[in-house]
Every structure is written in C-alpha cells, then in structure tokens.
Amino acid sequence: MKRKTKKSRVGLFIALLFFLILVILFVILLKPFDKKTTGKSQVSGNSPVKVDPSKSAGIISSSSVVASDHAEKVENTGDATWVQVHSKGKGEKFQDISTDNIKIYKAHNPQVLKTATSKHPALAILPDVMAQYPDALIMNASGFNMETGDITGFQINNGALFTNWGENKRAHEAFIINKDGSMTTYDSSTPASQILANGAEQSYSFGKILIKKGKVQENDGSVNWMIHSFIGNDKQNNLYLMISETNAGYENIMNQIKNLNLANLVLMDGGGSSQMGLNGQTIVPSQDNRQVGDFIVLK
C-alpha cells in the first residue's frame, strides 16, 4: 500500500509540474496579442487620437488631438439654404468699418448661406457668385486642395456633416453658425456628434482660432506675409467678414481690430483665394482670379 501511495504522489507532482509549464507557456505566447488588443481599445469610441502637428501642411493648429466618433456623414447636403442670424441692438445691414490694412464689414441681422455642400464642391470665382447673389456681401471662406478640389477641414451645411475632423492634415478648428443664428468656434477635440447635437447648421474651416470667447489666442505663425480672410462675431452677435492686406502682420491686425470687442475670430483661406464683393461690386479682387470651393454669402 505504501509503494502505491508513493507512486501516486510522484505521478501527481509530475502532472502538476507539467500543468504549470503549460500555463507559463500560454501566458508568454498570449502577451503580444494582448498588447495589440489594448492598442485597439485606446482609439475606439470617443478617445482622442494624437495628430503629428509637423505634418500640418502649413497651418498650425492649437488642438493636438482629433476626437474620434461615429457621426453620420452625407455625400451631399442638398441645395444650400439660408440661416438667420439675430443680432442685438440696432445697426446697418452692412457697415464698412475698414482700417488702414484690413477691409472689414460688420453685418447686422444677416441671413447667411454657405455655398459648399459636398467634399468636392464646384469651384467658382467671385464674379460668378455675385451674379447669382447680386444683393449680398460675399467672401471666400474654407480652403480647398488645389490639386484635387476637395474642401479643407471640418464641414457642415444644412445641419449635415460632409467632412469630419482628421480627414486631412490641417484645419483642426472651425467657425460655427448654429440653427438659432448664434455663432461659436470649436476645435478638433470636440466630436462632430456633439457639435451637431449643439445645433450646428454651417461650419467654415481652414486656419487657427485667433479669438475665442473674447480671449486673444497666442500667435502661432499662421498669420504670415500673405493676404488673409477672417470670419468672426462680437458679443452682440454681429457677423464680421475681413480681408487683411499682404504683409499686414499678426500684431498689426490684432491691434487694429481690438476695439471691435470680438467674441470669436477664425482665420480662413488666403493668398489668391481671398476675395470679397458687395452688391455686385468687387471690393477685394483675387490676386490671380482664383476659383475657390466655399463662399460665405450674407443678405
């Protein structure tokens, strides 16, 4: 009986040792797959994905993350429609308050139309748009890829999303006009689904937010020697369209507009894209008669 007990103990020990070796081998082999699974979970849902700012293709953004979500996109938002902006107090429909180096128009209670309705919008020059909207203030807005014609940045029209954050290497910030006519700004850390839920009707996107909620943001070099276009609003919900002259410079521009007490200001496309017209007359012509993919139209 004693010999059988000894043999059974030895057999049990060997079985346990063999089982332990199998467990260790299983853990070692599983570890690489565990890392891959963990990596995937870090970019799912609404977790932010870091973007390399060195690959921004010329525009430096203050946001270093792109919010990831599953907001539904459309190929085309349908015919562009107007949204009514409600400004406080009294004022002229369009007031020319230009300075030495900046063409500035302040719009009181305007209706606003965004011309781009898809990722690949029809390109147009200012005279063509003025012919379509002869009694309006018109300016270029979002940028576009000059090789493909694709519009740049975060894009909404008619309350529908057609280009989300992170679909190109720049334009991580946007100027938003909501369905109720209020205006604000967002950067790419806010998911599209949240922006839409907050009532966004139109968005304009290309460059950096220069003023956000009344606070001037630091100079990141994006306002350079070029002619530049800007969209902004003040605390009375008046809408501002601006185009600065070549070599105006960041400090000079910010000094000349500081008395406007703007709530928000966002840099739009510049260079040959910058162009503005009012009531069928060209105010700022394109430097190279350039066709662009997005105009903001006020009436």
Protein backbone atom coordinates (compact mmCIF):
# COMPACT_ATOMS: atom_id res chain seq x y z
CA MET A 1 0.00 0.00 0.00
CA LYS A 2 2.90 2.36 0.81
CA ARG A 3 4.51 1.80 -2.64
CA LYS A 4 1.25 2.64 -4.39
CA THR A 5 0.91 5.84 -2.32
CA LYS A 6 4.49 6.91 -3.21
CA LYS A 7 3.90 6.29 -6.91
CA SER A 8 0.64 8.20 -6.88
CA ARG A 9 2.29 11.21 -5.19
CA VAL A 10 5.13 11.22 -7.75
CA GLY A 11 2.62 10.98 -10.57
CA LEU A 12 0.56 13.86 -9.12
CA PHE A 13 3.70 16.01 -8.75
CA ILE A 14 4.71 15.38 -12.35
CA ALA A 15 1.18 16.21 -13.55
CA LEU A 16 1.14 19.48 -11.58
CA LEU A 17 4.60 20.42 -12.87
CA PHE A 18 3.52 19.74 -16.46
CA PHE A 19 0.37 21.84 -15.97
CA LEU A 20 2.41 24.74 -14.55
CA ILE A 21 4.77 24.66 -17.53
CA LEU A 22 1.78 24.78 -19.91
CA VAL A 23 0.33 27.81 -18.07
CA ILE A 24 3.66 29.69 -18.26
CA LEU A 25 4.00 28.96 -21.99
CA PHE A 26 0.39 30.06 -22.60
CA VAL A 27 0.96 33.41 -20.82
CA ILE A 28 4.19 34.07 -22.75
CA LEU A 29 2.58 33.32 -26.11
CA LEU A 30 -0.56 35.36 -25.33
CA LYS A 31 1.24 38.55 -24.24
CA PRO A 32 1.93 40.02 -27.75
CA PHE A 33 -1.71 39.54 -28.74
CA ASP A 34 -2.79 41.21 -25.51
CA LYS A 35 -0.74 44.31 -26.43
CA LYS A 36 -2.36 44.54 -29.85
CA THR A 37 -5.83 44.30 -28.34
CA THR A 38 -5.01 47.03 -25.80
CA GLY A 39 -3.75 49.29 -28.57
CA LYS A 40 -7.00 48.98 -30.46
CA SER A 41 -9.12 49.77 -27.45
CA GLN A 42 -7.25 53.02 -26.92
CA VAL A 43 -8.54 54.54 -30.18
CA SER A 44 -12.12 53.30 -30.09
CA GLY A 45 -15.23 55.18 -29.02
CA ASN A 46 -14.63 58.85 -28.18
CA SER A 47 -10.99 58.58 -27.17
CA PRO A 48 -8.69 61.24 -28.69
CA VAL A 49 -6.14 60.31 -31.33
CA LYS A 50 -2.95 62.37 -31.33
CA VAL A 51 -2.04 64.08 -34.59
CA ASP A 52 1.50 64.96 -35.57
CA PRO A 53 1.50 68.80 -35.87
CA SER A 54 4.66 68.67 -38.01
CA LYS A 55 2.52 67.21 -40.82
CA SER A 56 0.02 70.09 -40.83
CA ALA A 57 0.88 71.26 -44.36
CA GLY A 58 1.30 74.90 -43.44
CA ILE A 59 -1.43 75.63 -40.93
CA ILE A 60 -0.57 75.25 -37.25
CA SER A 61 -3.50 74.36 -35.01
CA SER A 62 -3.83 74.89 -31.28
CA SER A 63 -5.53 71.50 -30.97
CA SER A 64 -3.25 68.45 -30.90
CA VAL A 65 -5.99 65.81 -30.76
CA VAL A 66 -8.74 64.63 -33.08
CA ALA A 67 -11.90 63.41 -31.37
CA SER A 68 -12.93 60.03 -32.72
CA ASP A 69 -16.61 59.23 -33.08
CA HIS A 70 -19.06 57.69 -35.49
CA ALA A 71 -21.06 60.74 -36.58
CA GLU A 72 -23.03 60.02 -39.73
CA LYS A 73 -21.79 61.80 -42.87
CA VAL A 74 -23.54 62.59 -46.13
CA GLU A 75 -22.12 62.82 -49.63
CA ASN A 76 -24.10 65.98 -50.36
CA THR A 77 -26.16 68.20 -48.05
CA GLY A 78 -28.57 69.29 -50.79
CA ASP A 79 -29.16 72.83 -52.04
CA ALA A 80 -27.61 75.44 -49.76
CA THR A 81 -30.17 77.20 -47.56
CA TRP A 82 -30.10 80.41 -45.54
CA VAL A 83 -29.82 80.67 -41.77
CA GLN A 84 -30.99 83.82 -39.97
CA VAL A 85 -28.56 85.50 -37.60
CA HIS A 86 -30.22 87.53 -34.84
CA SER A 87 -28.07 90.45 -33.69
CA LYS A 88 -28.79 92.55 -30.63
CA GLY A 89 -29.46 96.30 -30.76
CA LYS A 90 -29.70 98.36 -33.91
CA GLY A 91 -27.37 98.76 -36.84
CA GLU A 92 -26.90 98.91 -40.60
CA LYS A 93 -27.26 95.70 -42.55
CA PHE A 94 -23.67 96.06 -43.79
CA GLN A 95 -21.33 98.60 -42.21
CA ASP A 96 -17.90 99.32 -43.66
CA ILE A 97 -15.52 99.74 -40.71
CA SER A 98 -12.29 99.12 -42.57
CA THR A 99 -8.91 100.18 -41.16
CA ASP A 100 -5.63 101.08 -42.87
CA ASN A 101 -4.66 97.46 -43.61
CA ILE A 102 -7.89 95.48 -43.22
CA LYS A 103 -11.14 95.54 -45.18
CA ILE A 104 -13.84 94.94 -42.55
CA TYR A 105 -17.60 94.63 -42.95
CA LYS A 106 -19.90 94.29 -39.95
CA ALA A 107 -23.23 92.56 -40.74
CA HIS A 108 -26.29 93.17 -38.52
CA ASN A 109 -29.11 90.57 -38.60
CA PRO A 110 -27.96 88.99 -41.87
CA GLN A 111 -29.19 85.81 -43.47
CA VAL A 112 -26.22 83.57 -44.19
CA LEU A 113 -25.62 80.99 -46.91
CA LYS A 114 -22.66 78.63 -47.28
CA THR A 115 -22.02 77.59 -50.88
CA ALA A 116 -20.08 74.32 -50.33
CA THR A 117 -22.39 71.32 -49.91
CA SER A 118 -20.03 68.38 -50.53
CA LYS A 119 -16.43 67.28 -50.10
CA HIS A 120 -15.76 68.05 -53.74
CA PRO A 121 -17.69 71.32 -54.36
CA ALA A 122 -17.95 73.16 -57.65
CA LEU A 123 -15.21 75.81 -57.83
CA ALA A 124 -16.18 79.38 -58.69
CA ILE A 125 -14.74 82.87 -58.94
CA LEU A 126 -16.23 85.87 -57.14
CA PRO A 127 -17.95 87.44 -60.21
CA ASP A 128 -19.88 84.20 -60.80
CA VAL A 129 -21.13 84.12 -57.21
CA MET A 130 -22.01 87.85 -57.28
CA ALA A 131 -24.06 87.25 -60.45
CA GLN A 132 -26.02 84.58 -58.57
CA TYR A 133 -26.44 86.74 -55.44
CA PRO A 134 -26.34 90.38 -56.65
CA ASP A 135 -27.63 91.97 -53.43
CA ALA A 136 -25.26 90.36 -50.97
CA LEU A 137 -21.94 90.62 -49.16
CA ILE A 138 -19.74 87.74 -50.32
CA MET A 139 -16.31 86.47 -49.25
CA ASN A 140 -14.25 83.33 -49.76
CA ALA A 141 -14.26 81.03 -46.74
CA SER A 142 -12.93 77.48 -46.22
CA GLY A 143 -9.80 76.35 -48.03
CA PHE A 144 -9.52 73.56 -50.58
CA ASN A 145 -6.92 71.24 -52.06
CA MET A 146 -5.78 72.89 -55.30
CA GLU A 147 -4.81 69.53 -56.81
CA THR A 148 -7.99 67.57 -56.06
CA GLY A 149 -10.52 70.34 -55.43
CA ASP A 150 -11.53 68.70 -52.12
CA ILE A 151 -12.63 71.15 -49.43
CA THR A 152 -10.44 71.53 -46.36
CA GLY A 153 -11.35 70.97 -42.73
CA PHE A 154 -14.48 70.34 -40.68
CA GLN A 155 -17.54 70.96 -42.85
CA ILE A 156 -21.26 71.16 -42.10
CA ASN A 157 -24.04 72.64 -44.21
CA ASN A 158 -27.82 72.46 -43.78
CA GLY A 159 -27.12 70.85 -40.41
CA ALA A 160 -25.45 67.82 -42.05
CA LEU A 161 -21.82 66.72 -41.79
CA PHE A 162 -19.90 66.07 -45.01
CA THR A 163 -16.26 66.31 -43.87
CA ASN A 164 -15.19 65.32 -40.35
CA TRP A 165 -12.18 66.21 -38.23
CA GLY A 166 -8.97 64.43 -39.16
CA GLU A 167 -9.82 63.78 -42.80
CA ASN A 168 -6.91 65.95 -43.89
CA LYS A 169 -3.67 67.15 -42.34
CA ARG A 170 -4.80 70.63 -41.37
CA ALA A 171 -7.79 72.72 -40.34
CA HIS A 172 -8.41 71.41 -36.83
CA GLU A 173 -10.59 74.42 -35.93
CA ALA A 174 -13.85 75.85 -37.24
CA PHE A 175 -16.26 78.78 -37.07
CA ILE A 176 -19.83 77.57 -36.50
CA ILE A 177 -23.21 79.18 -37.17
CA ASN A 178 -25.99 77.37 -35.31
CA LYS A 179 -29.59 76.82 -36.36
CA ASP A 180 -30.73 79.54 -33.94
CA GLY A 181 -28.31 82.05 -35.52
CA SER A 182 -25.82 82.04 -32.65
CA MET A 183 -22.11 81.71 -33.51
CA THR A 184 -19.20 79.96 -31.84
CA THR A 185 -15.96 78.06 -32.50
CA TYR A 186 -14.77 74.50 -31.95
CA ASP A 187 -11.51 72.65 -32.34
CA SER A 188 -10.95 69.00 -33.20
CA SER A 189 -11.07 67.85 -29.57
CA THR A 190 -14.90 68.12 -29.73
CA PRO A 191 -16.57 65.24 -31.62
CA ALA A 192 -18.73 66.07 -34.63
CA SER A 193 -21.69 64.32 -33.00
CA GLN A 194 -21.55 66.77 -30.08
CA ILE A 195 -21.24 69.81 -32.37
CA LEU A 196 -24.26 68.65 -34.37
CA ALA A 197 -26.20 67.95 -31.18
CA ASN A 198 -25.43 71.51 -30.07
CA GLY A 199 -27.29 72.79 -33.14
CA ALA A 200 -24.61 73.45 -35.78
CA GLU A 201 -26.08 74.50 -39.15
CA GLN A 202 -22.98 75.71 -41.03
CA SER A 203 -19.23 75.46 -40.47
CA TYR A 204 -16.27 77.26 -42.02
CA SER A 205 -12.81 75.80 -41.54
CA PHE A 206 -9.24 76.41 -42.63
CA GLY A 207 -6.97 78.04 -40.08
CA LYS A 208 -6.45 78.86 -36.44
CA ILE A 209 -8.93 80.34 -33.96
CA LEU A 210 -7.42 83.78 -33.26
CA ILE A 211 -10.01 84.93 -30.72
CA LYS A 212 -12.11 82.51 -28.67
CA LYS A 213 -14.82 83.65 -26.23
CA GLY A 214 -13.30 87.12 -26.16
CA LYS A 215 -9.75 85.95 -25.44
CA VAL A 216 -6.98 86.55 -27.96
CA GLN A 217 -5.02 83.36 -28.65
CA GLU A 218 -1.24 83.41 -28.91
CA ASN A 219 0.44 83.93 -32.27
CA ASP A 220 1.43 80.59 -33.80
CA GLY A 221 2.79 81.96 -37.07
CA SER A 222 -0.23 81.03 -39.19
CA VAL A 223 -0.91 84.72 -39.98
CA ASN A 224 2.12 85.32 -42.19
CA TRP A 225 3.01 87.70 -45.02
CA MET A 226 0.05 86.66 -47.19
CA ILE A 227 -3.27 88.37 -47.70
CA HIS A 228 -5.76 86.66 -45.34
CA SER A 229 -9.52 86.30 -44.90
CA PHE A 230 -11.27 86.07 -41.50
CA ILE A 231 -14.76 85.32 -40.12
CA GLY A 232 -15.80 86.50 -36.66
CA ASN A 233 -18.60 87.69 -34.42
CA ASP A 234 -18.97 90.05 -31.49
CA LYS A 235 -20.89 89.75 -28.22
CA GLN A 236 -23.94 91.38 -29.85
CA ASN A 237 -23.99 88.52 -32.41
CA ASN A 238 -23.00 90.73 -35.32
CA LEU A 239 -21.09 88.85 -38.02
CA TYR A 240 -17.77 90.17 -39.39
CA LEU A 241 -16.05 89.43 -42.70
CA MET A 242 -12.47 90.67 -43.05
CA ILE A 243 -9.59 90.58 -45.50
CA SER A 244 -6.18 91.87 -44.47
CA GLU A 245 -3.60 93.23 -46.90
CA THR A 246 -0.38 91.44 -47.72
CA ASN A 247 2.28 91.97 -45.02
CA ALA A 248 -0.30 93.36 -42.55
CA GLY A 249 1.14 91.04 -39.86
CA TYR A 250 -0.43 89.40 -36.81
CA GLU A 251 0.34 92.12 -34.24
CA ASN A 252 -0.78 94.90 -36.57
CA ILE A 253 -4.04 93.10 -37.40
CA MET A 254 -4.87 92.35 -33.77
CA ASN A 255 -4.14 95.95 -32.75
CA GLN A 256 -6.41 97.34 -35.47
CA ILE A 257 -9.39 95.15 -34.52
CA LYS A 258 -9.06 95.23 -30.72
CA ASN A 259 -11.74 97.92 -30.36
CA LEU A 260 -14.31 95.67 -32.07
CA ASN A 261 -14.51 93.55 -28.89
CA LEU A 262 -14.88 90.36 -30.92
CA ALA A 263 -16.09 87.19 -29.22
CA ASN A 264 -14.61 84.87 -31.87
CA LEU A 265 -12.36 85.19 -34.91
CA VAL A 266 -11.14 82.38 -37.18
CA LEU A 267 -8.57 82.51 -39.98
CA MET A 268 -9.91 81.50 -43.39
CA ASP A 269 -8.18 80.82 -46.71
CA GLY A 270 -5.75 83.42 -48.01
CA GLY A 271 -3.41 84.33 -50.84
CA GLY A 272 -5.10 84.27 -54.24
CA SER A 273 -8.20 82.74 -52.63
CA SER A 274 -9.04 85.93 -50.68
CA GLN A 275 -11.78 87.89 -52.45
CA MET A 276 -14.79 89.99 -51.40
CA GLY A 277 -17.71 91.67 -53.11
CA LEU A 278 -20.79 93.70 -52.14
CA ASN A 279 -23.97 94.31 -54.16
CA GLY A 280 -22.37 93.08 -57.37
CA GLN A 281 -19.22 95.21 -56.98
CA THR A 282 -15.78 93.77 -56.29
CA ILE A 283 -14.23 95.13 -53.09
CA VAL A 284 -11.18 92.85 -52.88
CA PRO A 285 -10.32 91.01 -56.11
CA SER A 286 -8.50 87.69 -56.17
CA GLN A 287 -4.79 88.21 -56.86
CA ASP A 288 -4.86 85.50 -59.55
CA ASN A 289 -8.57 85.30 -60.46
CA ARG A 290 -8.72 82.06 -58.47
CA GLN A 291 -11.68 79.70 -58.35
CA VAL A 292 -12.44 78.53 -54.81
CA GLY A 293 -14.73 75.91 -53.31
CA ASP A 294 -16.50 77.76 -50.50
CA PHE A 295 -18.03 81.23 -50.15
CA ILE A 296 -19.98 82.80 -47.29
CA VAL A 297 -22.88 84.88 -48.60
CA LEU A 298 -24.78 87.45 -46.49
CA LYS A 299 -28.02 89.21 -47.38
